[in-house]
Amino acid sequence: QKNGIKLLFPLLAAVISLLAAGCSEEQPPSVEKLEASV
């Protein structure tokens, strides 16, 4: 094995912005939004 493990998560920024846009202090994000992000 050469140099161990390399993580690949290039979509993280897009998902975080999606979650942030769908979140409000009063209500948690919908299951559909969470599932789509995951």
Full PDB file with SEQRES, HELIX, SHEET, SSBOND, CRYST1, ORIGX, SCALE, CONECT and MASTER records, all heavy atoms in Angstrom:
SEQRES   1 A   38  GLN LYS ASN GLY ILE LYS LEU LEU PHE PRO LEU LEU ALA          
SEQRES   2 A   38  ALA VAL ILE SER LEU LEU ALA ALA GLY CYS SER GLU GLU          
SEQRES   3 A   38  GLN PRO PRO SER VAL GLU LYS LEU GLU ALA SER VAL              
HELIX    1 AA1 LEU A   12  GLY A   22  1                                  11    
HELIX    2 AA2 VAL A   31  SER A   37  1                                   7    
CRYST1    1.000    1.000    1.000  90.00  90.00  90.00 P 1           1          
ORIGX1      1.000000  0.000000  0.000000        0.00000                         
ORIGX2      0.000000  1.000000  0.000000        0.00000                         
ORIGX3      0.000000  0.000000  1.000000        0.00000                         
SCALE1      1.000000  0.000000  0.000000        0.00000                         
SCALE2      0.000000  1.000000  0.000000        0.00000                         
SCALE3      0.000000  0.000000  1.000000        0.00000                         
ATOM      1  N   GLN A   1       0.852  -1.171   0.000  1.00  0.00           N  
ATOM      2  CA  GLN A   1       0.000   0.000   0.000  1.00  0.00           C  
ATOM      3  C   GLN A   1       0.893   1.228   0.000  1.00  0.00           C  
ATOM      4  O   GLN A   1       1.889   1.266   0.686  1.00  0.00           O  
ATOM      5  CB  GLN A   1      -0.866  -0.043   1.252  1.00  0.00           C  
ATOM      6  CG  GLN A   1      -1.842   1.063   1.339  1.00  0.00           C  
ATOM      7  CD  GLN A   1      -2.686   0.937   2.590  1.00  0.00           C  
ATOM      8  OE1 GLN A   1      -2.638  -0.054   3.274  1.00  0.00           O  
ATOM      9  NE2 GLN A   1      -3.438   1.965   2.879  1.00  0.00           N  
ATOM     10  N   LYS A   2       0.545   2.211  -0.787  1.00  0.00           N  
ATOM     11  CA  LYS A   2       1.378   3.407  -0.900  1.00  0.00           C  
ATOM     12  C   LYS A   2       0.657   4.591  -0.281  1.00  0.00           C  
ATOM     13  O   LYS A   2      -0.419   4.965  -0.710  1.00  0.00           O  
ATOM     14  CB  LYS A   2       1.687   3.679  -2.367  1.00  0.00           C  
ATOM     15  CG  LYS A   2       2.640   4.827  -2.589  1.00  0.00           C  
ATOM     16  CD  LYS A   2       2.913   4.971  -4.060  1.00  0.00           C  
ATOM     17  CE  LYS A   2       3.828   6.134  -4.325  1.00  0.00           C  
ATOM     18  NZ  LYS A   2       4.057   6.345  -5.728  1.00  0.00           N  
ATOM     19  N   ASN A   3       1.268   5.162   0.727  1.00  0.00           N  
ATOM     20  CA  ASN A   3       0.786   6.374   1.381  1.00  0.00           C  
ATOM     21  C   ASN A   3      -0.614   6.272   1.962  1.00  0.00           C  
ATOM     22  O   ASN A   3      -1.342   7.245   2.024  1.00  0.00           O  
ATOM     23  CB  ASN A   3       0.843   7.569   0.422  1.00  0.00           C  
ATOM     24  CG  ASN A   3       2.260   7.908   0.045  1.00  0.00           C  
ATOM     25  OD1 ASN A   3       3.180   7.651   0.810  1.00  0.00           O  
ATOM     26  ND2 ASN A   3       2.441   8.475  -1.126  1.00  0.00           N  
ATOM     27  N   GLY A   4      -1.034   5.102   2.405  1.00  0.00           N  
ATOM     28  CA  GLY A   4      -2.273   4.964   3.172  1.00  0.00           C  
ATOM     29  C   GLY A   4      -3.535   5.296   2.422  1.00  0.00           C  
ATOM     30  O   GLY A   4      -3.699   4.965   1.278  1.00  0.00           O  
ATOM     31  N   ILE A   5      -4.404   6.018   3.110  1.00  0.00           N  
ATOM     32  CA  ILE A   5      -5.757   6.260   2.616  1.00  0.00           C  
ATOM     33  C   ILE A   5      -5.920   7.711   2.214  1.00  0.00           C  
ATOM     34  O   ILE A   5      -5.421   8.603   2.848  1.00  0.00           O  
ATOM     35  CB  ILE A   5      -6.763   5.941   3.741  1.00  0.00           C  
ATOM     36  CG1 ILE A   5      -6.548   4.505   4.212  1.00  0.00           C  
ATOM     37  CG2 ILE A   5      -8.180   6.146   3.303  1.00  0.00           C  
ATOM     38  CD1 ILE A   5      -7.222   4.227   5.507  1.00  0.00           C  
ATOM     39  N   LYS A   6      -6.650   7.934   1.154  1.00  0.00           N  
ATOM     40  CA  LYS A   6      -6.936   9.289   0.696  1.00  0.00           C  
ATOM     41  C   LYS A   6      -8.449   9.441   0.635  1.00  0.00           C  
ATOM     42  O   LYS A   6      -9.113   8.678  -0.037  1.00  0.00           O  
ATOM     43  CB  LYS A   6      -6.317   9.497  -0.678  1.00  0.00           C  
ATOM     44  CG  LYS A   6      -6.584  10.854  -1.266  1.00  0.00           C  
ATOM     45  CD  LYS A   6      -5.954  10.941  -2.630  1.00  0.00           C  
ATOM     46  CE  LYS A   6      -6.361  12.212  -3.314  1.00  0.00           C  
ATOM     47  NZ  LYS A   6      -5.925  12.226  -4.693  1.00  0.00           N  
ATOM     48  N   LEU A   7      -8.990  10.406   1.358  1.00  0.00           N  
ATOM     49  CA  LEU A   7     -10.433  10.616   1.371  1.00  0.00           C  
ATOM     50  C   LEU A   7     -10.844  11.498   0.206  1.00  0.00           C  
ATOM     51  O   LEU A   7     -10.162  12.456  -0.139  1.00  0.00           O  
ATOM     52  CB  LEU A   7     -10.858  11.275   2.682  1.00  0.00           C  
ATOM     53  CG  LEU A   7     -10.559  10.485   3.933  1.00  0.00           C  
ATOM     54  CD1 LEU A   7     -11.009  11.269   5.157  1.00  0.00           C  
ATOM     55  CD2 LEU A   7     -11.232   9.145   3.887  1.00  0.00           C  
ATOM     56  N   LEU A   8     -12.002  11.172  -0.365  1.00  0.00           N  
ATOM     57  CA  LEU A   8     -12.508  11.934  -1.503  1.00  0.00           C  
ATOM     58  C   LEU A   8     -13.895  12.466  -1.183  1.00  0.00           C  
ATOM     59  O   LEU A   8     -14.861  11.745  -1.243  1.00  0.00           O  
ATOM     60  CB  LEU A   8     -12.588  11.030  -2.740  1.00  0.00           C  
ATOM     61  CG  LEU A   8     -11.295  10.429  -3.208  1.00  0.00           C  
ATOM     62  CD1 LEU A   8     -11.553   9.473  -4.350  1.00  0.00           C  
ATOM     63  CD2 LEU A   8     -10.350  11.513  -3.654  1.00  0.00           C  
ATOM     64  N   PHE A   9     -14.001  13.735  -0.860  1.00  0.00           N  
ATOM     65  CA  PHE A   9     -15.309  14.321  -0.596  1.00  0.00           C  
ATOM     66  C   PHE A   9     -15.428  15.706  -1.250  1.00  0.00           C  
ATOM     67  O   PHE A   9     -15.583  16.714  -0.576  1.00  0.00           O  
ATOM     68  CB  PHE A   9     -15.566  14.425   0.908  1.00  0.00           C  
ATOM     69  CG  PHE A   9     -15.681  13.098   1.560  1.00  0.00           C  
ATOM     70  CD1 PHE A   9     -14.731  12.667   2.465  1.00  0.00           C  
ATOM     71  CD2 PHE A   9     -16.722  12.251   1.253  1.00  0.00           C  
ATOM     72  CE1 PHE A   9     -14.834  11.432   3.062  1.00  0.00           C  
ATOM     73  CE2 PHE A   9     -16.823  11.017   1.846  1.00  0.00           C  
ATOM     74  CZ  PHE A   9     -15.883  10.602   2.754  1.00  0.00           C  
ATOM     75  N   PRO A  10     -15.345  15.783  -2.575  1.00  0.00           N  
ATOM     76  CA  PRO A  10     -15.395  17.082  -3.243  1.00  0.00           C  
ATOM     77  C   PRO A  10     -16.760  17.758  -3.197  1.00  0.00           C  
ATOM     78  O   PRO A  10     -16.862  18.940  -3.464  1.00  0.00           O  
ATOM     79  CB  PRO A  10     -14.999  16.756  -4.676  1.00  0.00           C  
ATOM     80  CG  PRO A  10     -15.382  15.338  -4.852  1.00  0.00           C  
ATOM     81  CD  PRO A  10     -15.159  14.692  -3.505  1.00  0.00           C  
ATOM     82  N   LEU A  11     -17.811  17.025  -2.850  1.00  0.00           N  
ATOM     83  CA  LEU A  11     -19.141  17.622  -2.840  1.00  0.00           C  
ATOM     84  C   LEU A  11     -19.511  18.227  -1.498  1.00  0.00           C  
ATOM     85  O   LEU A  11     -20.621  18.730  -1.329  1.00  0.00           O  
ATOM     86  CB  LEU A  11     -20.181  16.554  -3.213  1.00  0.00           C  
ATOM     87  CG  LEU A  11     -20.018  15.909  -4.576  1.00  0.00           C  
ATOM     88  CD1 LEU A  11     -21.044  14.815  -4.777  1.00  0.00           C  
ATOM     89  CD2 LEU A  11     -20.127  16.942  -5.660  1.00  0.00           C  
ATOM     90  N   LEU A  12     -18.614  18.201  -0.529  1.00  0.00           N  
ATOM     91  CA  LEU A  12     -18.934  18.650   0.824  1.00  0.00           C  
ATOM     92  C   LEU A  12     -19.435  20.087   0.847  1.00  0.00           C  
ATOM     93  O   LEU A  12     -20.429  20.391   1.499  1.00  0.00           O  
ATOM     94  CB  LEU A  12     -17.708  18.486   1.726  1.00  0.00           C  
ATOM     95  CG  LEU A  12     -17.921  18.812   3.199  1.00  0.00           C  
ATOM     96  CD1 LEU A  12     -19.043  17.961   3.764  1.00  0.00           C  
ATOM     97  CD2 LEU A  12     -16.652  18.591   3.976  1.00  0.00           C  
ATOM     98  N   ALA A  13     -18.774  21.001   0.158  1.00  0.00           N  
ATOM     99  CA  ALA A  13     -19.182  22.410   0.181  1.00  0.00           C  
ATOM    100  C   ALA A  13     -20.599  22.581  -0.352  1.00  0.00           C  
ATOM    101  O   ALA A  13     -21.398  23.334   0.220  1.00  0.00           O  
ATOM    102  CB  ALA A  13     -18.205  23.242  -0.626  1.00  0.00           C  
ATOM    103  N   ALA A  14     -20.922  21.880  -1.434  1.00  0.00           N  
ATOM    104  CA  ALA A  14     -22.263  21.990  -2.011  1.00  0.00           C  
ATOM    105  C   ALA A  14     -23.316  21.464  -1.050  1.00  0.00           C  
ATOM    106  O   ALA A  14     -24.385  22.059  -0.891  1.00  0.00           O  
ATOM    107  CB  ALA A  14     -22.328  21.226  -3.325  1.00  0.00           C  
ATOM    108  N   VAL A  15     -23.007  20.370  -0.373  1.00  0.00           N  
ATOM    109  CA  VAL A  15     -23.970  19.775   0.556  1.00  0.00           C  
ATOM    110  C   VAL A  15     -24.165  20.679   1.763  1.00  0.00           C  
ATOM    111  O   VAL A  15     -25.287  20.888   2.222  1.00  0.00           O  
ATOM    112  CB  VAL A  15     -23.507  18.368   0.986  1.00  0.00           C  
ATOM    113  CG1 VAL A  15     -24.391  17.826   2.077  1.00  0.00           C  
ATOM    114  CG2 VAL A  15     -23.532  17.445  -0.212  1.00  0.00           C  
ATOM    115  N   ILE A  16     -23.084  21.248   2.275  1.00  0.00           N  
ATOM    116  CA  ILE A  16     -23.194  22.130   3.433  1.00  0.00           C  
ATOM    117  C   ILE A  16     -24.057  23.345   3.092  1.00  0.00           C  
ATOM    118  O   ILE A  16     -24.917  23.740   3.870  1.00  0.00           O  
ATOM    119  CB  ILE A  16     -21.796  22.558   3.921  1.00  0.00           C  
ATOM    120  CG1 ILE A  16     -21.099  21.354   4.551  1.00  0.00           C  
ATOM    121  CG2 ILE A  16     -21.883  23.696   4.922  1.00  0.00           C  
ATOM    122  CD1 ILE A  16     -19.646  21.584   4.880  1.00  0.00           C  
ATOM    123  N   SER A  17     -23.833  23.914   1.913  1.00  0.00           N  
ATOM    124  CA  SER A  17     -24.643  25.071   1.530  1.00  0.00           C  
ATOM    125  C   SER A  17     -26.106  24.676   1.350  1.00  0.00           C  
ATOM    126  O   SER A  17     -27.007  25.434   1.699  1.00  0.00           O  
ATOM    127  CB  SER A  17     -24.093  25.734   0.270  1.00  0.00           C  
ATOM    128  OG  SER A  17     -24.187  24.865  -0.825  1.00  0.00           O  
ATOM    129  N   LEU A  18     -26.361  23.467   0.841  1.00  0.00           N  
ATOM    130  CA  LEU A  18     -27.734  22.984   0.694  1.00  0.00           C  
ATOM    131  C   LEU A  18     -28.392  22.845   2.051  1.00  0.00           C  
ATOM    132  O   LEU A  18     -29.516  23.267   2.263  1.00  0.00           O  
ATOM    133  CB  LEU A  18     -27.739  21.640  -0.043  1.00  0.00           C  
ATOM    134  CG  LEU A  18     -29.086  20.919  -0.136  1.00  0.00           C  
ATOM    135  CD1 LEU A  18     -30.003  21.700  -1.067  1.00  0.00           C  
ATOM    136  CD2 LEU A  18     -28.900  19.511  -0.643  1.00  0.00           C  
ATOM    137  N   LEU A  19     -27.663  22.266   3.004  1.00  0.00           N  
ATOM    138  CA  LEU A  19     -28.213  22.100   4.343  1.00  0.00           C  
ATOM    139  C   LEU A  19     -28.436  23.452   5.018  1.00  0.00           C  
ATOM    140  O   LEU A  19     -29.452  23.669   5.669  1.00  0.00           O  
ATOM    141  CB  LEU A  19     -27.274  21.239   5.196  1.00  0.00           C  
ATOM    142  CG  LEU A  19     -27.250  19.754   4.844  1.00  0.00           C  
ATOM    143  CD1 LEU A  19     -26.174  19.051   5.641  1.00  0.00           C  
ATOM    144  CD2 LEU A  19     -28.597  19.112   5.092  1.00  0.00           C  
ATOM    145  N   ALA A  20     -27.489  24.351   4.871  1.00  0.00           N  
ATOM    146  CA  ALA A  20     -27.607  25.665   5.507  1.00  0.00           C  
ATOM    147  C   ALA A  20     -28.799  26.444   4.940  1.00  0.00           C  
ATOM    148  O   ALA A  20     -29.515  27.116   5.677  1.00  0.00           O  
ATOM    149  CB  ALA A  20     -26.323  26.457   5.314  1.00  0.00           C  
ATOM    150  N   ALA A  21     -29.017  26.323   3.638  1.00  0.00           N  
ATOM    151  CA  ALA A  21     -30.130  27.031   3.018  1.00  0.00           C  
ATOM    152  C   ALA A  21     -31.474  26.476   3.465  1.00  0.00           C  
ATOM    153  O   ALA A  21     -32.457  27.209   3.560  1.00  0.00           O  
ATOM    154  CB  ALA A  21     -30.026  26.939   1.497  1.00  0.00           C  
ATOM    155  N   GLY A  22     -31.522  25.206   3.773  1.00  0.00           N  
ATOM    156  CA  GLY A  22     -32.790  24.578   4.147  1.00  0.00           C  
ATOM    157  C   GLY A  22     -33.065  24.594   5.628  1.00  0.00           C  
ATOM    158  O   GLY A  22     -34.122  24.159   6.072  1.00  0.00           O  
ATOM    159  N   CYS A  23     -32.153  25.110   6.441  1.00  0.00           N  
ATOM    160  CA  CYS A  23     -32.310  25.069   7.889  1.00  0.00           C  
ATOM    161  C   CYS A  23     -32.894  26.377   8.397  1.00  0.00           C  
ATOM    162  O   CYS A  23     -32.497  27.446   7.979  1.00  0.00           O  
ATOM    163  CB  CYS A  23     -30.964  24.841   8.570  1.00  0.00           C  
ATOM    164  SG  CYS A  23     -30.298  23.227   8.230  1.00  0.00           S  
ATOM    165  N   SER A  24     -33.794  26.260   9.334  1.00  0.00           N  
ATOM    166  CA  SER A  24     -34.262  27.432  10.066  1.00  0.00           C  
ATOM    167  C   SER A  24     -34.180  27.098  11.539  1.00  0.00           C  
ATOM    168  O   SER A  24     -34.106  25.938  11.919  1.00  0.00           O  
ATOM    169  CB  SER A  24     -35.696  27.777   9.657  1.00  0.00           C  
ATOM    170  OG  SER A  24     -36.586  26.791  10.138  1.00  0.00           O  
ATOM    171  N   GLU A  25     -34.218  28.113  12.379  1.00  0.00           N  
ATOM    172  CA  GLU A  25     -34.093  27.868  13.811  1.00  0.00           C  
ATOM    173  C   GLU A  25     -35.335  27.183  14.352  1.00  0.00           C  
ATOM    174  O   GLU A  25     -35.267  26.492  15.355  1.00  0.00           O  
ATOM    175  CB  GLU A  25     -33.835  29.185  14.539  1.00  0.00           C  
ATOM    176  CG  GLU A  25     -32.460  29.754  14.236  1.00  0.00           C  
ATOM    177  CD  GLU A  25     -32.201  31.041  14.975  1.00  0.00           C  
ATOM    178  OE1 GLU A  25     -32.874  31.313  15.986  1.00  0.00           O  
ATOM    179  OE2 GLU A  25     -31.316  31.785  14.537  1.00  0.00           O  
ATOM    180  N   GLU A  26     -36.485  27.401  13.711  1.00  0.00           N  
ATOM    181  CA  GLU A  26     -37.728  26.858  14.230  1.00  0.00           C  
ATOM    182  C   GLU A  26     -37.944  25.405  13.825  1.00  0.00           C  
ATOM    183  O   GLU A  26     -38.475  24.626  14.586  1.00  0.00           O  
ATOM    184  CB  GLU A  26     -38.906  27.703  13.738  1.00  0.00           C  
ATOM    185  CG  GLU A  26     -38.814  29.146  14.214  1.00  0.00           C  
ATOM    186  CD  GLU A  26     -39.794  30.040  13.488  1.00  0.00           C  
ATOM    187  OE1 GLU A  26     -40.629  29.526  12.720  1.00  0.00           O  
ATOM    188  OE2 GLU A  26     -39.714  31.252  13.685  1.00  0.00           O  
ATOM    189  N   GLN A  27     -37.575  25.061  12.628  1.00  0.00           N  
ATOM    190  CA  GLN A  27     -37.873  23.734  12.108  1.00  0.00           C  
ATOM    191  C   GLN A  27     -36.625  23.056  11.590  1.00  0.00           C  
ATOM    192  O   GLN A  27     -35.814  23.676  10.905  1.00  0.00           O  
ATOM    193  CB  GLN A  27     -38.851  23.860  10.940  1.00  0.00           C  
ATOM    194  CG  GLN A  27     -40.192  23.299  11.237  1.00  0.00           C  
ATOM    195  CD  GLN A  27     -41.065  23.392   9.995  1.00  0.00           C  
ATOM    196  OE1 GLN A  27     -40.708  23.966   8.976  1.00  0.00           O  
ATOM    197  NE2 GLN A  27     -42.219  22.802  10.082  1.00  0.00           N  
ATOM    198  N   PRO A  28     -36.461  21.758  11.900  1.00  0.00           N  
ATOM    199  CA  PRO A  28     -35.322  21.030  11.312  1.00  0.00           C  
ATOM    200  C   PRO A  28     -35.576  20.802   9.827  1.00  0.00           C  
ATOM    201  O   PRO A  28     -36.710  20.874   9.362  1.00  0.00           O  
ATOM    202  CB  PRO A  28     -35.318  19.711  12.082  1.00  0.00           C  
ATOM    203  CG  PRO A  28     -36.715  19.534  12.574  1.00  0.00           C  
ATOM    204  CD  PRO A  28     -37.270  20.924  12.778  1.00  0.00           C  
ATOM    205  N   PRO A  29     -34.517  20.534   9.075  1.00  0.00           N  
ATOM    206  CA  PRO A  29     -34.709  20.273   7.640  1.00  0.00           C  
ATOM    207  C   PRO A  29     -35.583  19.035   7.429  1.00  0.00           C  
ATOM    208  O   PRO A  29     -35.616  18.142   8.265  1.00  0.00           O  
ATOM    209  CB  PRO A  29     -33.297  20.034   7.121  1.00  0.00           C  
ATOM    210  CG  PRO A  29     -32.389  20.047   8.281  1.00  0.00           C  
ATOM    211  CD  PRO A  29     -33.147  20.440   9.491  1.00  0.00           C  
ATOM    212  N   SER A  30     -36.247  18.996   6.296  1.00  0.00           N  
ATOM    213  CA  SER A  30     -37.121  17.854   6.010  1.00  0.00           C  
ATOM    214  C   SER A  30     -36.286  16.599   5.774  1.00  0.00           C  
ATOM    215  O   SER A  30     -35.108  16.672   5.412  1.00  0.00           O  
ATOM    216  CB  SER A  30     -37.975  18.146   4.769  1.00  0.00           C  
ATOM    217  OG  SER A  30     -37.157  18.151   3.619  1.00  0.00           O  
ATOM    218  N   VAL A  31     -36.916  15.459   5.974  1.00  0.00           N  
ATOM    219  CA  VAL A  31     -36.258  14.172   5.738  1.00  0.00           C  
ATOM    220  C   VAL A  31     -35.798  14.093   4.291  1.00  0.00           C  
ATOM    221  O   VAL A  31     -34.698  13.616   4.010  1.00  0.00           O  
ATOM    222  CB  VAL A  31     -37.209  12.995   6.084  1.00  0.00           C  
ATOM    223  CG1 VAL A  31     -36.660  11.678   5.580  1.00  0.00           C  
ATOM    224  CG2 VAL A  31     -37.461  12.931   7.577  1.00  0.00           C  
ATOM    225  N   GLU A  32     -36.609  14.582   3.371  1.00  0.00           N  
ATOM    226  CA  GLU A  32     -36.264  14.518   1.947  1.00  0.00           C  
ATOM    227  C   GLU A  32     -34.978  15.297   1.662  1.00  0.00           C  
ATOM    228  O   GLU A  32     -34.121  14.849   0.915  1.00  0.00           O  
ATOM    229  CB  GLU A  32     -37.413  15.059   1.080  1.00  0.00           C  
ATOM    230  CG  GLU A  32     -38.657  14.195   1.069  1.00  0.00           C  
ATOM    231  CD  GLU A  32     -39.537  14.369   2.311  1.00  0.00           C  
ATOM    232  OE1 GLU A  32     -39.390  15.382   3.034  1.00  0.00           O  
ATOM    233  OE2 GLU A  32     -40.360  13.479   2.572  1.00  0.00           O  
ATOM    234  N   LYS A  33     -34.855  16.505   2.272  1.00  0.00           N  
ATOM    235  CA  LYS A  33     -33.651  17.308   2.071  1.00  0.00           C  
ATOM    236  C   LYS A  33     -32.427  16.610   2.662  1.00  0.00           C  
ATOM    237  O   LYS A  33     -31.354  16.596   2.052  1.00  0.00           O  
ATOM    238  CB  LYS A  33     -33.817  18.679   2.725  1.00  0.00           C  
ATOM    239  CG  LYS A  33     -34.050  19.766   1.741  1.00  0.00           C  
ATOM    240  CD  LYS A  33     -34.072  21.099   2.419  1.00  0.00           C  
ATOM    241  CE  LYS A  33     -34.715  22.060   1.443  1.00  0.00           C  
ATOM    242  NZ  LYS A  33     -35.018  23.339   1.957  1.00  0.00           N  
ATOM    243  N   LEU A  34     -32.593  16.072   3.854  1.00  0.00           N  
ATOM    244  CA  LEU A  34     -31.479  15.370   4.496  1.00  0.00           C  
ATOM    245  C   LEU A  34     -31.050  14.163   3.662  1.00  0.00           C  
ATOM    246  O   LEU A  34     -29.861  13.942   3.435  1.00  0.00           O  
ATOM    247  CB  LEU A  34     -31.856  14.924   5.906  1.00  0.00           C  
ATOM    248  CG  LEU A  34     -32.011  16.018   6.958  1.00  0.00           C  
ATOM    249  CD1 LEU A  34     -32.480  15.424   8.278  1.00  0.00           C  
ATOM    250  CD2 LEU A  34     -30.723  16.788   7.151  1.00  0.00           C  
ATOM    251  N   GLU A  35     -32.031  13.371   3.219  1.00  0.00           N  
ATOM    252  CA  GLU A  35     -31.708  12.185   2.420  1.00  0.00           C  
ATOM    253  C   GLU A  35     -31.024  12.570   1.112  1.00  0.00           C  
ATOM    254  O   GLU A  35     -30.055  11.932   0.703  1.00  0.00           O  
ATOM    255  CB  GLU A  35     -32.964  11.354   2.148  1.00  0.00           C  
ATOM    256  CG  GLU A  35     -33.411  10.552   3.344  1.00  0.00           C  
ATOM    257  CD  GLU A  35     -34.658   9.726   3.085  1.00  0.00           C  
ATOM    258  OE1 GLU A  35     -35.297   9.862   2.019  1.00  0.00           O  
ATOM    259  OE2 GLU A  35     -35.012   8.920   3.968  1.00  0.00           O  
ATOM    260  N   ALA A  36     -31.508  13.621   0.454  1.00  0.00           N  
ATOM    261  CA  ALA A  36     -30.889  14.055  -0.807  1.00  0.00           C  
ATOM    262  C   ALA A  36     -29.442  14.478  -0.570  1.00  0.00           C  
ATOM    263  O   ALA A  36     -28.552  14.153  -1.360  1.00  0.00           O  
ATOM    264  CB  ALA A  36     -31.688  15.198  -1.425  1.00  0.00           C  
ATOM    265  N   SER A  37     -29.201  15.202   0.525  1.00  0.00           N  
ATOM    266  CA  SER A  37     -27.838  15.643   0.837  1.00  0.00           C  
ATOM    267  C   SER A  37     -26.929  14.466   1.126  1.00  0.00           C  
ATOM    268  O   SER A  37     -25.803  14.392   0.627  1.00  0.00           O  
ATOM    269  CB  SER A  37     -27.861  16.589   2.039  1.00  0.00           C  
ATOM    270  OG  SER A  37     -28.616  17.721   1.752  1.00  0.00           O  
ATOM    271  N   VAL A  38     -27.415  13.526   1.941  1.00  0.00           N  
ATOM    272  CA  VAL A  38     -26.605  12.350   2.289  1.00  0.00           C  
ATOM    273  C   VAL A  38     -26.345  11.502   1.055  1.00  0.00           C  
ATOM    274  O   VAL A  38     -25.240  11.008   0.849  1.00  0.00           O  
ATOM    275  CB  VAL A  38     -27.287  11.532   3.412  1.00  0.00           C  
ATOM    276  CG1 VAL A  38     -26.600  10.201   3.610  1.00  0.00           C  
ATOM    277  CG2 VAL A  38     -27.282  12.327   4.710  1.00  0.00           C  
TER     278      VAL A  38                                                      
MASTER        0    0    0    2    0    0    0    6  277    1    0    3          
END                                                                             
